[in-house]
Amino acid sequence: MRPQFAILACGWLAAAGLSGCAAWPGKAVTPAVAQSRQGLYQLQAWKLEGRIGAKVGDEGWSANLFWEHEGGQDRLRIAGPFSQGAVSIIVQSDLVYVNEGKGVVTLSREPDDWLKKRLGFTVPLRSLRYWVLGLPAPDAEYKAVLDAAGGLAGFEQQGWAVAFDGFGSAGGFVLPKKMSVRGGAATLKLIADEWILK
């Protein structure tokens, strides 16, 4: 994994932690659906195992992903086949810790500014934890994109377009299985192989 893309992965995947939300895929907003959606906003602990791909301009990469969220902290591991190019990330509120291996460790209390310097653009760090769950971030306006059945196909928020290509279920919730996030020259794709809700 090339260093600049490892850092892009950090930015895209690092997440911290209500405006209204469109319906779930193919479902009207019923009290049961609204309650399920609110339950996802309140979810405090989950794990995701899957894969991530990123493309910035003409360059790209793909890797395995392990993401664990608990309370106000996210722990992520991004690695190529056989753990090549592994990057470990811990995010707590306004603090990001990145270990790129071989003694390359970064700690920043201003992750947005740090990413802007490293990437040339800012990734909305605090929104990503919600996006991966299929939710707009609660503290910013968004525009819903609906499918033909009136379900949520995606949304636009903070200059990024989030699109869902498939959903599955875990722990009684509807969660994304495939999604993409596009902003400026960056396109990120995520495939969730397994969701574990605590």
N, C-alpha and C. Protein backbone atom coordinates (compact mmCIF):
# COMPACT_ATOMS: atom_id res chain seq x y z
N MET A 1 0.86 -1.16 0.00
CA MET A 1 0.00 0.00 0.00
C MET A 1 0.90 1.23 0.00
N ARG A 2 0.71 2.14 -0.93
CA ARG A 2 1.54 3.33 -1.00
C ARG A 2 1.24 4.26 0.16
N PRO A 3 2.24 4.97 0.70
CA PRO A 3 2.03 5.78 1.90
C PRO A 3 0.91 6.79 1.78
N GLN A 4 0.82 7.52 0.63
CA GLN A 4 -0.22 8.52 0.55
C GLN A 4 -1.61 7.90 0.56
N PHE A 5 -1.74 6.68 0.06
CA PHE A 5 -3.05 6.02 0.09
C PHE A 5 -3.32 5.41 1.44
N ALA A 6 -2.27 5.03 2.17
CA ALA A 6 -2.47 4.59 3.55
C ALA A 6 -3.04 5.74 4.37
N ILE A 7 -2.53 6.93 4.12
CA ILE A 7 -3.02 8.10 4.84
C ILE A 7 -4.44 8.43 4.41
N LEU A 8 -4.75 8.27 3.11
CA LEU A 8 -6.12 8.48 2.65
C LEU A 8 -7.06 7.50 3.35
N ALA A 9 -6.61 6.27 3.50
CA ALA A 9 -7.43 5.29 4.22
C ALA A 9 -7.67 5.74 5.64
N CYS A 10 -6.63 6.29 6.27
CA CYS A 10 -6.80 6.79 7.63
C CYS A 10 -7.89 7.85 7.66
N GLY A 11 -7.83 8.75 6.73
CA GLY A 11 -8.79 9.84 6.72
C GLY A 11 -10.19 9.36 6.45
N TRP A 12 -10.32 8.44 5.51
CA TRP A 12 -11.67 7.99 5.17
C TRP A 12 -12.25 7.14 6.27
N LEU A 13 -11.43 6.33 6.88
CA LEU A 13 -11.96 5.39 7.85
C LEU A 13 -11.97 5.90 9.27
N ALA A 14 -11.14 6.88 9.56
CA ALA A 14 -11.15 7.40 10.91
C ALA A 14 -12.49 8.06 11.17
N ALA A 15 -13.10 7.73 12.21
CA ALA A 15 -14.40 8.31 12.49
C ALA A 15 -14.51 8.64 13.96
N ALA A 16 -15.21 9.68 14.29
CA ALA A 16 -15.41 10.02 15.67
C ALA A 16 -16.90 10.08 15.96
N GLY A 17 -16.92 10.28 16.80
CA GLY A 17 -18.18 10.49 17.33
C GLY A 17 -17.83 10.91 18.71
N LEU A 18 -30.47 15.24 14.88
CA LEU A 18 -30.63 14.17 13.89
C LEU A 18 -31.62 14.72 12.88
N SER A 19 -30.48 14.98 12.02
CA SER A 19 -31.45 15.46 11.05
C SER A 19 -32.21 14.27 10.50
N GLY A 20 -33.35 14.52 9.84
CA GLY A 20 -34.18 13.44 9.33
C GLY A 20 -33.44 12.60 8.32
N CYS A 21 -33.95 11.43 8.06
CA CYS A 21 -33.30 10.51 7.14
C CYS A 21 -34.36 9.89 6.26
N ALA A 22 -34.01 9.56 5.04
CA ALA A 22 -34.95 8.92 4.13
C ALA A 22 -35.21 7.49 4.58
N ALA A 23 -36.14 6.84 3.92
CA ALA A 23 -36.52 5.47 4.28
C ALA A 23 -35.39 4.50 4.03
N TRP A 24 -35.48 3.32 4.66
CA TRP A 24 -34.54 2.25 4.38
C TRP A 24 -34.82 1.72 2.99
N PRO A 25 -33.92 0.94 2.43
CA PRO A 25 -34.08 0.50 1.04
C PRO A 25 -35.40 -0.22 0.83
N GLY A 26 -36.22 0.32 -0.08
CA GLY A 26 -37.46 -0.33 -0.47
C GLY A 26 -38.54 -0.33 0.60
N LYS A 27 -38.37 0.45 1.67
CA LYS A 27 -39.36 0.45 2.74
C LYS A 27 -39.85 1.86 3.00
N ALA A 28 -41.13 2.00 3.29
CA ALA A 28 -41.67 3.29 3.68
C ALA A 28 -41.25 3.58 5.12
N VAL A 29 -41.34 4.84 5.51
CA VAL A 29 -40.99 5.20 6.87
C VAL A 29 -42.18 4.89 7.77
N THR A 30 -42.14 3.72 8.37
CA THR A 30 -43.16 3.30 9.32
C THR A 30 -42.58 3.48 10.71
N PRO A 31 -43.40 3.42 11.76
CA PRO A 31 -42.83 3.53 13.11
C PRO A 31 -41.73 2.50 13.38
N ALA A 32 -41.89 1.27 12.86
CA ALA A 32 -40.87 0.24 13.09
C ALA A 32 -39.56 0.60 12.40
N VAL A 33 -39.64 1.13 11.17
CA VAL A 33 -38.43 1.53 10.43
C VAL A 33 -37.77 2.71 11.13
N ALA A 34 -38.57 3.69 11.55
CA ALA A 34 -38.02 4.85 12.25
C ALA A 34 -37.33 4.43 13.54
N GLN A 35 -37.90 3.47 14.26
CA GLN A 35 -37.29 2.99 15.50
C GLN A 35 -35.97 2.28 15.22
N SER A 36 -35.92 1.49 14.14
CA SER A 36 -34.69 0.79 13.76
C SER A 36 -33.60 1.80 13.41
N ARG A 37 -33.97 2.82 12.66
CA ARG A 37 -33.01 3.85 12.26
C ARG A 37 -32.46 4.57 13.50
N GLN A 38 -33.35 4.94 14.42
CA GLN A 38 -32.91 5.60 15.65
C GLN A 38 -32.01 4.68 16.47
N GLY A 39 -32.30 3.38 16.44
CA GLY A 39 -31.45 2.42 17.14
C GLY A 39 -30.04 2.40 16.60
N LEU A 40 -29.87 2.56 15.28
CA LEU A 40 -28.53 2.61 14.70
C LEU A 40 -27.78 3.86 15.15
N TYR A 41 -28.47 4.98 15.25
CA TYR A 41 -27.81 6.19 15.75
C TYR A 41 -27.31 5.99 17.18
N GLN A 42 -28.00 5.18 17.94
CA GLN A 42 -27.63 4.98 19.34
C GLN A 42 -26.68 3.80 19.55
N LEU A 43 -26.39 3.05 18.50
CA LEU A 43 -25.52 1.88 18.60
C LEU A 43 -24.13 2.31 19.10
N GLN A 44 -23.67 1.70 20.18
CA GLN A 44 -22.42 2.10 20.81
C GLN A 44 -21.24 1.19 20.50
N ALA A 45 -21.50 -0.03 20.05
CA ALA A 45 -20.39 -0.96 19.81
C ALA A 45 -20.70 -1.86 18.63
N TRP A 46 -19.77 -1.94 17.69
CA TRP A 46 -19.92 -2.83 16.54
C TRP A 46 -18.55 -3.12 15.94
N LYS A 47 -18.51 -4.19 15.16
CA LYS A 47 -17.31 -4.56 14.42
C LYS A 47 -17.69 -4.80 12.97
N LEU A 48 -16.79 -4.44 12.09
CA LEU A 48 -16.97 -4.66 10.66
C LEU A 48 -15.71 -5.30 10.11
N GLU A 49 -15.89 -6.41 9.39
CA GLU A 49 -14.78 -7.03 8.66
C GLU A 49 -15.15 -7.01 7.19
N GLY A 50 -14.21 -6.55 6.36
CA GLY A 50 -14.52 -6.47 4.94
C GLY A 50 -13.33 -6.03 4.14
N ARG A 51 -13.63 -5.31 3.07
CA ARG A 51 -12.60 -4.85 2.14
C ARG A 51 -12.86 -3.40 1.75
N ILE A 52 -11.79 -2.70 1.44
CA ILE A 52 -11.90 -1.31 1.02
C ILE A 52 -11.03 -1.09 -0.21
N GLY A 53 -11.50 -0.25 -1.10
CA GLY A 53 -10.73 0.16 -2.26
C GLY A 53 -10.81 1.67 -2.38
N ALA A 54 -9.75 2.28 -2.87
CA ALA A 54 -9.73 3.73 -3.04
C ALA A 54 -9.07 4.08 -4.35
N LYS A 55 -9.58 5.15 -4.97
CA LYS A 55 -8.97 5.67 -6.19
C LYS A 55 -8.93 7.18 -6.06
N VAL A 56 -7.74 7.75 -6.27
CA VAL A 56 -7.56 9.19 -6.27
C VAL A 56 -6.87 9.53 -7.57
N GLY A 57 -7.58 10.22 -8.45
CA GLY A 57 -7.03 10.49 -9.77
C GLY A 57 -6.84 9.18 -10.52
N ASP A 58 -5.62 8.92 -10.97
CA ASP A 58 -5.32 7.70 -11.72
C ASP A 58 -4.72 6.60 -10.86
N GLU A 59 -4.57 6.85 -9.58
CA GLU A 59 -3.94 5.86 -8.71
C GLU A 59 -4.95 5.28 -7.73
N GLY A 60 -4.75 4.01 -7.37
CA GLY A 60 -5.67 3.39 -6.44
C GLY A 60 -5.04 2.22 -5.71
N TRP A 61 -5.78 1.69 -4.77
CA TRP A 61 -5.34 0.53 -3.99
C TRP A 61 -6.57 -0.17 -3.43
N SER A 62 -6.36 -1.39 -2.95
CA SER A 62 -7.41 -2.13 -2.25
C SER A 62 -6.77 -2.87 -1.08
N ALA A 63 -7.57 -3.13 -0.05
CA ALA A 63 -7.02 -3.75 1.15
C ALA A 63 -8.13 -4.41 1.95
N ASN A 64 -7.72 -5.26 2.87
CA ASN A 64 -8.65 -5.83 3.84
C ASN A 64 -8.87 -4.81 4.95
N LEU A 65 -10.04 -4.87 5.57
CA LEU A 65 -10.40 -3.90 6.58
C LEU A 65 -10.99 -4.58 7.81
N PHE A 66 -10.50 -4.18 8.97
CA PHE A 66 -11.12 -4.55 10.24
C PHE A 66 -11.37 -3.24 10.98
N TRP A 67 -12.63 -2.98 11.36
CA TRP A 67 -13.01 -1.73 11.99
C TRP A 67 -13.82 -2.06 13.23
N GLU A 68 -13.38 -1.60 14.39
CA GLU A 68 -14.11 -1.82 15.63
C GLU A 68 -14.45 -0.48 16.26
N HIS A 69 -15.73 -0.26 16.51
CA HIS A 69 -16.19 0.97 17.16
C HIS A 69 -16.73 0.62 18.54
N GLU A 70 -16.30 1.36 19.53
CA GLU A 70 -16.82 1.16 20.88
C GLU A 70 -16.83 2.49 21.61
N GLY A 71 -18.01 2.95 21.99
CA GLY A 71 -18.13 4.23 22.67
C GLY A 71 -17.61 5.35 21.79
N GLY A 72 -16.69 6.14 22.30
CA GLY A 72 -16.13 7.25 21.55
C GLY A 72 -14.83 6.93 20.85
N GLN A 73 -14.52 5.67 20.66
CA GLN A 73 -13.25 5.29 20.04
C GLN A 73 -13.47 4.34 18.87
N ASP A 74 -12.66 4.54 17.82
CA ASP A 74 -12.63 3.63 16.68
C ASP A 74 -11.23 3.09 16.51
N ARG A 75 -11.13 1.77 16.31
CA ARG A 75 -9.86 1.11 16.06
C ARG A 75 -9.96 0.41 14.71
N LEU A 76 -9.03 0.73 13.83
CA LEU A 76 -9.06 0.19 12.48
C LEU A 76 -7.73 -0.44 12.11
N ARG A 77 -7.83 -1.46 11.28
CA ARG A 77 -6.62 -2.08 10.71
C ARG A 77 -6.89 -2.27 9.24
N ILE A 78 -6.00 -1.73 8.42
CA ILE A 78 -6.11 -1.83 6.97
C ILE A 78 -4.85 -2.52 6.49
N ALA A 79 -5.02 -3.60 5.73
CA ALA A 79 -3.85 -4.38 5.32
C ALA A 79 -4.08 -5.04 3.97
N GLY A 80 -3.01 -5.16 3.20
CA GLY A 80 -3.06 -5.89 1.94
C GLY A 80 -2.98 -7.39 2.21
N PRO A 81 -2.90 -8.20 1.15
CA PRO A 81 -2.79 -9.65 1.33
C PRO A 81 -1.62 -10.01 2.24
N PHE A 82 -1.82 -10.99 3.11
CA PHE A 82 -0.80 -11.44 4.05
C PHE A 82 -0.30 -10.30 4.94
N SER A 83 -1.18 -9.35 5.25
CA SER A 83 -0.90 -8.21 6.13
C SER A 83 0.17 -7.27 5.60
N GLN A 84 0.41 -7.28 4.30
CA GLN A 84 1.39 -6.35 3.72
C GLN A 84 0.86 -4.93 3.83
N GLY A 85 1.75 -3.99 4.14
CA GLY A 85 1.40 -2.58 4.20
C GLY A 85 0.36 -2.26 5.25
N ALA A 86 0.34 -3.00 6.35
CA ALA A 86 -0.68 -2.81 7.37
C ALA A 86 -0.57 -1.44 8.02
N VAL A 87 -1.73 -0.82 8.23
CA VAL A 87 -1.84 0.47 8.90
C VAL A 87 -2.83 0.30 10.04
N SER A 88 -2.45 0.71 11.25
CA SER A 88 -3.35 0.68 12.40
C SER A 88 -3.73 2.11 12.74
N ILE A 89 -5.00 2.32 13.05
CA ILE A 89 -5.52 3.66 13.31
C ILE A 89 -6.38 3.61 14.57
N ILE A 90 -6.18 4.58 15.44
CA ILE A 90 -7.06 4.75 16.60
C ILE A 90 -7.53 6.19 16.57
N VAL A 91 -8.84 6.38 16.70
CA VAL A 91 -9.41 7.72 16.71
C VAL A 91 -10.25 7.89 17.96
N GLN A 92 -9.98 8.97 18.69
CA GLN A 92 -10.75 9.33 19.87
C GLN A 92 -11.07 10.81 19.77
N SER A 93 -12.33 11.14 19.61
CA SER A 93 -12.76 12.53 19.55
C SER A 93 -11.90 13.31 18.56
N ASP A 94 -11.06 14.24 19.06
CA ASP A 94 -10.25 15.07 18.16
C ASP A 94 -8.81 14.58 18.06
N LEU A 95 -8.57 13.33 18.40
CA LEU A 95 -7.23 12.76 18.37
C LEU A 95 -7.18 11.58 17.39
N VAL A 96 -6.17 11.58 16.53
CA VAL A 96 -5.95 10.44 15.64
C VAL A 96 -4.52 9.95 15.82
N TYR A 97 -4.38 8.62 15.97
CA TYR A 97 -3.09 7.96 16.12
C TYR A 97 -2.96 6.98 14.97
N VAL A 98 -1.90 7.11 14.19
CA VAL A 98 -1.70 6.26 13.01
C VAL A 98 -0.35 5.58 13.11
N ASN A 99 -0.34 4.26 13.00
CA ASN A 99 0.89 3.49 12.99
C ASN A 99 0.99 2.81 11.62
N GLU A 100 1.93 3.30 10.81
CA GLU A 100 2.11 2.76 9.46
C GLU A 100 3.16 1.66 9.42
N GLY A 101 3.67 1.24 10.58
CA GLY A 101 4.69 0.20 10.63
C GLY A 101 6.08 0.77 10.42
N LYS A 102 7.09 -0.03 10.70
CA LYS A 102 8.50 0.33 10.54
C LYS A 102 8.84 1.63 11.27
N GLY A 103 8.20 1.82 12.43
CA GLY A 103 8.51 2.98 13.25
C GLY A 103 7.85 4.28 12.83
N VAL A 104 6.99 4.23 11.81
CA VAL A 104 6.32 5.45 11.34
C VAL A 104 5.00 5.61 12.10
N VAL A 105 5.01 6.51 13.08
CA VAL A 105 3.84 6.74 13.94
C VAL A 105 3.51 8.22 13.91
N THR A 106 2.23 8.53 13.78
CA THR A 106 1.77 9.92 13.76
C THR A 106 0.67 10.10 14.79
N LEU A 107 0.74 11.18 15.53
CA LEU A 107 -0.28 11.54 16.50
C LEU A 107 -0.68 12.98 16.23
N SER A 108 -1.98 13.25 16.09
CA SER A 108 -2.43 14.61 15.82
C SER A 108 -3.71 14.90 16.59
N ARG A 109 -3.77 16.09 17.17
CA ARG A 109 -4.98 16.54 17.85
C ARG A 109 -5.86 17.36 16.91
N GLU A 110 -5.41 17.58 15.69
CA GLU A 110 -6.21 18.27 14.69
C GLU A 110 -6.19 17.44 13.42
N PRO A 111 -6.94 16.31 13.42
CA PRO A 111 -6.86 15.39 12.29
C PRO A 111 -7.29 15.99 10.97
N ASP A 112 -8.28 16.90 10.97
CA ASP A 112 -8.72 17.49 9.71
C ASP A 112 -7.60 18.31 9.07
N ASP A 113 -6.91 19.13 9.88
CA ASP A 113 -5.81 19.94 9.35
C ASP A 113 -4.65 19.05 8.90
N TRP A 114 -4.39 18.00 9.68
CA TRP A 114 -3.31 17.08 9.33
C TRP A 114 -3.57 16.41 7.99
N LEU A 115 -4.82 15.96 7.78
CA LEU A 115 -5.17 15.33 6.52
C LEU A 115 -5.12 16.31 5.36
N LYS A 116 -5.53 17.54 5.59
CA LYS A 116 -5.48 18.56 4.54
C LYS A 116 -4.04 18.75 4.08
N LYS A 117 -3.10 18.77 5.02
CA LYS A 117 -1.69 18.93 4.67
C LYS A 117 -1.16 17.72 3.92
N ARG A 118 -1.58 16.52 4.33
CA ARG A 118 -1.06 15.29 3.71
C ARG A 118 -1.73 14.95 2.39
N LEU A 119 -3.04 15.26 2.27
CA LEU A 119 -3.81 14.85 1.09
C LEU A 119 -4.17 15.99 0.15
N GLY A 120 -4.20 17.21 0.66
CA GLY A 120 -4.62 18.33 -0.16
C GLY A 120 -6.11 18.59 -0.09
N PHE A 121 -6.86 17.78 0.65
CA PHE A 121 -8.28 18.01 0.87
C PHE A 121 -8.66 17.41 2.21
N THR A 122 -9.79 17.83 2.73
CA THR A 122 -10.24 17.38 4.04
C THR A 122 -11.32 16.33 3.90
N VAL A 123 -11.15 15.21 4.56
CA VAL A 123 -12.16 14.16 4.63
C VAL A 123 -13.01 14.43 5.88
N PRO A 124 -14.33 14.33 5.79
CA PRO A 124 -15.19 14.60 6.96
C PRO A 124 -15.12 13.47 7.99
N LEU A 125 -14.10 13.52 8.82
CA LEU A 125 -13.81 12.43 9.74
C LEU A 125 -14.99 12.05 10.63
N ARG A 126 -15.64 13.03 11.21
CA ARG A 126 -16.67 12.73 12.19
C ARG A 126 -17.96 12.19 11.57
N SER A 127 -18.07 12.28 10.25
CA SER A 127 -19.27 11.77 9.57
C SER A 127 -19.13 10.30 9.17
N LEU A 128 -17.92 9.83 9.01
CA LEU A 128 -17.70 8.51 8.43
C LEU A 128 -18.26 7.37 9.27
N ARG A 129 -18.22 7.53 10.59
CA ARG A 129 -18.76 6.47 11.45
C ARG A 129 -20.25 6.26 11.18
N TYR A 130 -20.95 7.32 10.85
CA TYR A 130 -22.38 7.21 10.54
C TYR A 130 -22.59 6.68 9.13
N TRP A 131 -21.80 7.18 8.18
CA TRP A 131 -21.97 6.78 6.79
C TRP A 131 -21.83 5.27 6.61
N VAL A 132 -20.84 4.68 7.29
CA VAL A 132 -20.60 3.25 7.13
C VAL A 132 -21.79 2.44 7.65
N LEU A 133 -22.57 3.02 8.57
CA LEU A 133 -23.79 2.36 9.07
C LEU A 133 -25.00 2.64 8.17
N GLY A 134 -24.80 3.45 7.14
CA GLY A 134 -25.89 3.78 6.23
C GLY A 134 -26.69 4.99 6.67
N LEU A 135 -26.11 5.81 7.55
CA LEU A 135 -26.80 6.97 8.11
C LEU A 135 -26.11 8.27 7.74
N PRO A 136 -26.88 9.33 7.49
CA PRO A 136 -26.26 10.66 7.41
C PRO A 136 -25.75 11.05 8.79
N ALA A 137 -24.68 11.81 8.85
CA ALA A 137 -24.20 12.31 10.14
C ALA A 137 -25.26 13.22 10.73
N PRO A 138 -25.46 13.16 12.04
CA PRO A 138 -26.57 13.89 12.66
C PRO A 138 -26.37 15.39 12.76
N ASP A 139 -25.14 15.88 12.58
CA ASP A 139 -24.87 17.29 12.83
C ASP A 139 -24.66 18.10 11.56
N ALA A 140 -25.09 17.60 10.40
CA ALA A 140 -24.91 18.33 9.14
C ALA A 140 -26.09 18.06 8.21
N GLU A 141 -26.42 19.06 7.40
CA GLU A 141 -27.49 18.92 6.42
C GLU A 141 -27.12 17.86 5.38
N TYR A 142 -28.13 17.25 4.79
CA TYR A 142 -27.87 16.28 3.73
C TYR A 142 -29.04 16.26 2.76
N LYS A 143 -28.79 15.69 1.58
CA LYS A 143 -29.83 15.53 0.56
C LYS A 143 -29.95 14.04 0.27
N ALA A 144 -31.12 13.48 0.51
CA ALA A 144 -31.33 12.04 0.29
C ALA A 144 -31.49 11.75 -1.19
N VAL A 145 -31.00 10.59 -1.62
CA VAL A 145 -31.19 10.08 -2.97
C VAL A 145 -32.00 8.80 -2.83
N LEU A 146 -33.20 8.77 -3.42
CA LEU A 146 -34.10 7.64 -3.27
C LEU A 146 -34.08 6.74 -4.50
N ASP A 147 -34.36 5.44 -4.28
CA ASP A 147 -34.49 4.52 -5.41
C ASP A 147 -35.93 4.55 -5.91
N ALA A 148 -36.22 3.73 -6.93
CA ALA A 148 -37.55 3.73 -7.56
C ALA A 148 -38.66 3.35 -6.58
N ALA A 149 -38.32 2.58 -5.54
CA ALA A 149 -39.32 2.15 -4.57
C ALA A 149 -39.46 3.14 -3.41
N GLY A 150 -38.72 4.24 -3.47
CA GLY A 150 -38.78 5.22 -2.40
C GLY A 150 -37.84 4.93 -1.25
N GLY A 151 -36.98 3.94 -1.41
CA GLY A 151 -36.01 3.61 -0.37
C GLY A 151 -34.74 4.43 -0.52
N LEU A 152 -33.89 4.37 0.47
CA LEU A 152 -32.66 5.16 0.47
C LEU A 152 -31.61 4.51 -0.42
N ALA A 153 -31.24 5.20 -1.51
CA ALA A 153 -30.18 4.73 -2.39
C ALA A 153 -28.85 5.38 -2.02
N GLY A 154 -28.92 6.48 -1.28
CA GLY A 154 -27.73 7.19 -0.87
C GLY A 154 -28.09 8.59 -0.42
N PHE A 155 -27.06 9.40 -0.23
CA PHE A 155 -27.28 10.80 0.15
C PHE A 155 -26.03 11.60 -0.15
N GLU A 156 -26.19 12.90 -0.18
CA GLU A 156 -25.08 13.82 -0.35
C GLU A 156 -24.94 14.62 0.93
N GLN A 157 -23.72 14.71 1.43
CA GLN A 157 -23.48 15.42 2.68
C GLN A 157 -22.05 15.93 2.71
N GLN A 158 -21.87 17.18 3.10
CA GLN A 158 -20.55 17.78 3.25
C GLN A 158 -19.70 17.68 1.98
N GLY A 159 -20.33 17.76 0.82
CA GLY A 159 -19.61 17.70 -0.44
C GLY A 159 -19.23 16.31 -0.90
N TRP A 160 -19.74 15.27 -0.21
CA TRP A 160 -19.47 13.89 -0.57
C TRP A 160 -20.77 13.20 -0.96
N ALA A 161 -20.71 12.31 -1.94
CA ALA A 161 -21.86 11.52 -2.36
C ALA A 161 -21.69 10.10 -1.85
N VAL A 162 -22.62 9.65 -1.03
CA VAL A 162 -22.59 8.31 -0.45
C VAL A 162 -23.66 7.49 -1.15
N ALA A 163 -23.28 6.35 -1.75
CA ALA A 163 -24.22 5.51 -2.48
C ALA A 163 -24.15 4.08 -1.96
N PHE A 164 -25.32 3.45 -1.85
CA PHE A 164 -25.41 2.07 -1.36
C PHE A 164 -25.77 1.14 -2.50
N ASP A 165 -24.99 0.05 -2.63
CA ASP A 165 -25.22 -0.92 -3.70
C ASP A 165 -25.80 -2.22 -3.19
N GLY A 166 -25.92 -2.38 -1.89
CA GLY A 166 -26.49 -3.60 -1.34
C GLY A 166 -26.60 -3.50 0.17
N PHE A 167 -27.61 -4.17 0.71
CA PHE A 167 -27.84 -4.16 2.15
C PHE A 167 -27.97 -5.59 2.65
N GLY A 168 -27.70 -5.77 3.93
CA GLY A 168 -27.90 -7.04 4.60
C GLY A 168 -28.44 -6.76 5.99
N SER A 169 -28.54 -7.78 6.80
CA SER A 169 -29.06 -7.57 8.15
C SER A 169 -28.12 -8.20 9.16
N ALA A 170 -28.07 -7.56 10.33
CA ALA A 170 -27.28 -8.08 11.45
C ALA A 170 -27.88 -7.51 12.72
N GLY A 171 -28.08 -8.36 13.69
CA GLY A 171 -28.59 -7.92 14.98
C GLY A 171 -29.93 -7.22 14.91
N GLY A 172 -30.74 -7.55 13.91
CA GLY A 172 -32.05 -6.92 13.76
C GLY A 172 -32.02 -5.59 13.04
N PHE A 173 -30.85 -5.17 12.52
CA PHE A 173 -30.72 -3.91 11.80
C PHE A 173 -30.43 -4.16 10.33
N VAL A 174 -30.84 -3.22 9.47
CA VAL A 174 -30.47 -3.22 8.06
C VAL A 174 -29.20 -2.40 7.92
N LEU A 175 -28.15 -3.02 7.37
CA LEU A 175 -26.83 -2.38 7.27
C LEU A 175 -26.26 -2.52 5.86
N PRO A 176 -25.46 -1.56 5.43
CA PRO A 176 -24.86 -1.65 4.09
C PRO A 176 -23.93 -2.85 3.95
N LYS A 177 -24.00 -3.49 2.79
CA LYS A 177 -23.04 -4.54 2.43
C LYS A 177 -22.03 -4.00 1.43
N LYS A 178 -22.52 -3.11 0.54
CA LYS A 178 -21.64 -2.49 -0.45
C LYS A 178 -21.99 -1.01 -0.52
N MET A 179 -20.97 -0.18 -0.54
CA MET A 179 -21.21 1.25 -0.63
C MET A 179 -20.02 1.95 -1.26
N SER A 180 -20.26 3.16 -1.76
CA SER A 180 -19.18 3.98 -2.29
C SER A 180 -19.33 5.40 -1.77
N VAL A 181 -18.21 6.08 -1.66
CA VAL A 181 -18.18 7.46 -1.19
C VAL A 181 -17.31 8.23 -2.18
N ARG A 182 -17.89 9.29 -2.76
CA ARG A 182 -17.16 10.07 -3.75
C ARG A 182 -17.11 11.54 -3.33
N GLY A 183 -15.92 12.12 -3.39
CA GLY A 183 -15.75 13.54 -3.08
C GLY A 183 -14.54 14.07 -3.80
N GLY A 184 -14.73 15.06 -4.66
CA GLY A 184 -13.62 15.59 -5.45
C GLY A 184 -13.02 14.51 -6.32
N ALA A 185 -11.71 14.32 -6.23
CA ALA A 185 -11.03 13.32 -7.05
C ALA A 185 -10.98 11.95 -6.39
N ALA A 186 -11.52 11.83 -5.17
CA ALA A 186 -11.42 10.57 -4.42
C ALA A 186 -12.69 9.75 -4.54
N THR A 187 -12.52 8.45 -4.80
CA THR A 187 -13.62 7.49 -4.80
C THR A 187 -13.23 6.34 -3.90
N LEU A 188 -14.07 6.04 -2.92
CA LEU A 188 -13.81 4.98 -1.96
C LEU A 188 -14.92 3.95 -2.03
N LYS A 189 -14.58 2.68 -1.99
CA LYS A 189 -15.58 1.62 -2.02
C LYS A 189 -15.37 0.69 -0.84
N LEU A 190 -16.48 0.27 -0.25
CA LEU A 190 -16.42 -0.59 0.92
C LEU A 190 -17.34 -1.78 0.73
N ILE A 191 -16.82 -2.96 1.02
CA ILE A 191 -17.62 -4.19 1.03
C ILE A 191 -17.56 -4.76 2.44
N ALA A 192 -18.72 -4.90 3.07
CA ALA A 192 -18.80 -5.45 4.42
C ALA A 192 -19.07 -6.95 4.31
N ASP A 193 -18.09 -7.76 4.66
CA ASP A 193 -18.27 -9.21 4.65
C ASP A 193 -19.00 -9.70 5.90
N GLU A 194 -18.76 -8.99 7.02
CA GLU A 194 -19.42 -9.39 8.27
C GLU A 194 -19.58 -8.20 9.19
N TRP A 195 -20.80 -8.06 9.74
CA TRP A 195 -21.10 -7.09 10.78
C TRP A 195 -21.30 -7.85 12.08
N ILE A 196 -20.71 -7.36 13.16
CA ILE A 196 -20.93 -7.95 14.48
C ILE A 196 -21.38 -6.80 15.39
N LEU A 197 -22.60 -6.89 15.89
CA LEU A 197 -23.13 -5.86 16.77
C LEU A 197 -23.10 -6.35 18.19
N LYS A 198 -22.66 -5.50 19.11
CA LYS A 198 -22.55 -5.89 20.52
C LYS A 198 -23.75 -5.37 21.30
